[in-house]
Amino acid sequence: MNLSKLILSFMKSSEHLKINKEERKDIITKVFDDKVSKEVMNFMKILIDKRRGTAISSIYNEYVDMLDDHKGVVKAVVESAVPLTDEEQKALTENWLRSLDEKFT
């Protein structure tokens, strides 16, 4: 499990446990202190103080979307009746990128 999923899991599950705020903050400090920045640590503590631990998934997803927008990453979902081969996936991606390029030039 990667670090972001571990943090998301802890923040969501700890909100439902009978652990007081200070104990939760002590736990995240012991577990994540040397693994995340000071800003992330403080942000997690604020979420705990404000009882918003369950919002961490939405916050994380919004951050990833904003980062993708900043980097120019576009996500697409393709539905197919049968699984696409690697060659078909590549051709589909190239055609889609070509059509995007034509629209924006």
C-alpha atoms as a PDB file:
ATOM      1  CA  MET A   1       0.000   0.000   0.000  1.00  0.00           C
ATOM      2  CA  ASN A   2       1.444   3.376  -0.945  1.00  0.00           C
ATOM      3  CA  LEU A   3       1.733   6.225   1.538  1.00  0.00           C
ATOM      4  CA  SER A   4      -1.177   8.296   0.219  1.00  0.00           C
ATOM      5  CA  LYS A   5      -3.545   5.318   0.437  1.00  0.00           C
ATOM      6  CA  LEU A   6      -2.319   4.565   3.958  1.00  0.00           C
ATOM      7  CA  ILE A   7      -2.967   8.151   5.050  1.00  0.00           C
ATOM      8  CA  LEU A   8      -6.413   8.152   3.411  1.00  0.00           C
ATOM      9  CA  SER A   9      -7.309   4.876   5.067  1.00  0.00           C
ATOM     10  CA  PHE A  10      -6.162   5.991   8.513  1.00  0.00           C
ATOM     11  CA  MET A  11      -7.878   9.375   8.355  1.00  0.00           C
ATOM     12  CA  LYS A  12     -11.190   7.887   7.242  1.00  0.00           C
ATOM     13  CA  SER A  13     -11.205   4.950   9.652  1.00  0.00           C
ATOM     14  CA  SER A  14      -9.923   6.850  12.692  1.00  0.00           C
ATOM     15  CA  GLU A  15     -12.855   9.251  12.440  1.00  0.00           C
ATOM     16  CA  HIS A  16     -15.202   6.370  13.232  1.00  0.00           C
ATOM     17  CA  LEU A  17     -13.161   4.883  16.067  1.00  0.00           C
ATOM     18  CA  LYS A  18     -13.560   5.918  19.670  1.00  0.00           C
ATOM     19  CA  ILE A  19     -10.148   7.612  19.741  1.00  0.00           C
ATOM     20  CA  ASN A  20     -10.030  11.196  20.927  1.00  0.00           C
ATOM     21  CA  LYS A  21      -8.491  13.949  18.815  1.00  0.00           C
ATOM     22  CA  GLU A  22      -5.233  14.186  20.740  1.00  0.00           C
ATOM     23  CA  GLU A  23      -4.626  10.440  20.533  1.00  0.00           C
ATOM     24  CA  ARG A  24      -5.270  10.491  16.764  1.00  0.00           C
ATOM     25  CA  LYS A  25      -2.848  13.378  16.337  1.00  0.00           C
ATOM     26  CA  ASP A  26      -0.233  11.504  18.403  1.00  0.00           C
ATOM     27  CA  ILE A  27      -0.723   8.413  16.216  1.00  0.00           C
ATOM     28  CA  ILE A  28      -0.320  10.287  12.923  1.00  0.00           C
ATOM     29  CA  THR A  29       2.749  12.052  14.284  1.00  0.00           C
ATOM     30  CA  LYS A  30       4.376   8.759  15.288  1.00  0.00           C
ATOM     31  CA  VAL A  31       3.456   6.964  12.055  1.00  0.00           C
ATOM     32  CA  PHE A  32       3.832   9.673   9.400  1.00  0.00           C
ATOM     33  CA  ASP A  33       6.140  12.361  10.845  1.00  0.00           C
ATOM     34  CA  ASP A  34       9.272  11.307   8.954  1.00  0.00           C
ATOM     35  CA  LYS A  35       7.278  10.391   5.821  1.00  0.00           C
ATOM     36  CA  VAL A  36       5.353  13.592   5.046  1.00  0.00           C
ATOM     37  CA  SER A  37       6.126  17.286   4.966  1.00  0.00           C
ATOM     38  CA  LYS A  38       5.413  19.560   7.914  1.00  0.00           C
ATOM     39  CA  GLU A  39       2.592  21.158   5.899  1.00  0.00           C
ATOM     40  CA  VAL A  40       0.887  17.828   5.238  1.00  0.00           C
ATOM     41  CA  MET A  41       1.242  16.835   8.890  1.00  0.00           C
ATOM     42  CA  ASN A  42      -0.295  20.117  10.065  1.00  0.00           C
ATOM     43  CA  PHE A  43      -3.083  19.795   7.506  1.00  0.00           C
ATOM     44  CA  MET A  44      -3.949  16.302   8.780  1.00  0.00           C
ATOM     45  CA  LYS A  45      -4.029  17.640  12.343  1.00  0.00           C
ATOM     46  CA  ILE A  46      -6.378  20.444  11.302  1.00  0.00           C
ATOM     47  CA  LEU A  47      -8.671  17.901   9.655  1.00  0.00           C
ATOM     48  CA  ILE A  48      -8.701  15.911  12.896  1.00  0.00           C
ATOM     49  CA  ASP A  49      -9.382  19.016  15.011  1.00  0.00           C
ATOM     50  CA  LYS A  50     -12.253  20.031  12.744  1.00  0.00           C
ATOM     51  CA  ARG A  51     -13.617  16.463  12.567  1.00  0.00           C
ATOM     52  CA  ARG A  52     -13.107  16.393   8.795  1.00  0.00           C
ATOM     53  CA  GLY A  53     -11.009  13.228   8.535  1.00  0.00           C
ATOM     54  CA  THR A  54     -13.582  11.592   6.286  1.00  0.00           C
ATOM     55  CA  ALA A  55     -13.198  14.456   3.773  1.00  0.00           C
ATOM     56  CA  ILE A  56      -9.583  13.487   3.080  1.00  0.00           C
ATOM     57  CA  SER A  57     -10.507  11.354   0.046  1.00  0.00           C
ATOM     58  CA  SER A  58     -12.388  14.200  -1.607  1.00  0.00           C
ATOM     59  CA  ILE A  59      -9.585  16.625  -0.823  1.00  0.00           C
ATOM     60  CA  TYR A  60      -6.971  14.230  -2.193  1.00  0.00           C
ATOM     61  CA  ASN A  61      -8.964  13.565  -5.381  1.00  0.00           C
ATOM     62  CA  GLU A  62      -9.474  17.298  -5.972  1.00  0.00           C
ATOM     63  CA  TYR A  63      -5.742  17.899  -5.453  1.00  0.00           C
ATOM     64  CA  VAL A  64      -4.862  15.185  -7.993  1.00  0.00           C
ATOM     65  CA  ASP A  65      -7.334  16.691 -10.503  1.00  0.00           C
ATOM     66  CA  MET A  66      -5.848  20.167 -10.018  1.00  0.00           C
ATOM     67  CA  LEU A  67      -2.316  18.790 -10.405  1.00  0.00           C
ATOM     68  CA  ASP A  68      -3.311  16.981 -13.615  1.00  0.00           C
ATOM     69  CA  ASP A  69      -4.843  20.209 -14.964  1.00  0.00           C
ATOM     70  CA  HIS A  70      -1.659  22.085 -14.123  1.00  0.00           C
ATOM     71  CA  LYS A  71       0.477  19.463 -15.892  1.00  0.00           C
ATOM     72  CA  GLY A  72      -1.892  19.257 -18.870  1.00  0.00           C
ATOM     73  CA  VAL A  73      -2.829  15.654 -18.158  1.00  0.00           C
ATOM     74  CA  VAL A  74      -6.148  14.577 -19.647  1.00  0.00           C
ATOM     75  CA  LYS A  75      -7.913  11.421 -18.487  1.00  0.00           C
ATOM     76  CA  ALA A  76     -10.258   9.436 -20.666  1.00  0.00           C
ATOM     77  CA  VAL A  77     -12.304   6.295 -20.190  1.00  0.00           C
ATOM     78  CA  VAL A  78     -12.919   3.978 -23.106  1.00  0.00           C
ATOM     79  CA  GLU A  79     -15.677   1.412 -22.975  1.00  0.00           C
ATOM     80  CA  SER A  80     -15.397  -1.520 -25.325  1.00  0.00           C
ATOM     81  CA  ALA A  81     -17.450  -4.668 -25.822  1.00  0.00           C
ATOM     82  CA  VAL A  82     -14.215  -6.659 -25.925  1.00  0.00           C
ATOM     83  CA  PRO A  83     -10.833  -5.968 -24.331  1.00  0.00           C
ATOM     84  CA  LEU A  84      -8.556  -3.859 -26.539  1.00  0.00           C
ATOM     85  CA  THR A  85      -5.150  -5.148 -27.513  1.00  0.00           C
ATOM     86  CA  ASP A  86      -2.086  -3.058 -26.719  1.00  0.00           C
ATOM     87  CA  GLU A  87      -1.890  -2.124 -30.402  1.00  0.00           C
ATOM     88  CA  GLU A  88      -5.544  -1.001 -30.459  1.00  0.00           C
ATOM     89  CA  GLN A  89      -5.043   1.041 -27.272  1.00  0.00           C
ATOM     90  CA  LYS A  90      -2.012   2.737 -28.790  1.00  0.00           C
ATOM     91  CA  ALA A  91      -3.841   3.508 -32.049  1.00  0.00           C
ATOM     92  CA  LEU A  92      -6.848   4.873 -30.142  1.00  0.00           C
ATOM     93  CA  THR A  93      -4.611   7.117 -28.023  1.00  0.00           C
ATOM     94  CA  GLU A  94      -2.728   8.405 -31.073  1.00  0.00           C
ATOM     95  CA  ASN A  95      -5.969   9.161 -32.964  1.00  0.00           C
ATOM     96  CA  TRP A  96      -7.462  10.910 -29.957  1.00  0.00           C
ATOM     97  CA  LEU A  97      -4.337  13.011 -29.407  1.00  0.00           C
ATOM     98  CA  ARG A  98      -4.243  13.895 -33.109  1.00  0.00           C
ATOM     99  CA  SER A  99      -7.878  15.063 -33.001  1.00  0.00           C
ATOM    100  CA  LEU A 100      -7.150  17.158 -29.888  1.00  0.00           C
ATOM    101  CA  ASP A 101      -4.148  18.706 -31.576  1.00  0.00           C
ATOM    102  CA  GLU A 102      -6.273  19.672 -34.587  1.00  0.00           C
ATOM    103  CA  LYS A 103      -8.852  21.357 -32.328  1.00  0.00           C
ATOM    104  CA  PHE A 104      -6.316  23.470 -30.456  1.00  0.00           C
ATOM    105  CA  THR A 105      -3.998  24.565 -33.289  1.00  0.00           C
END
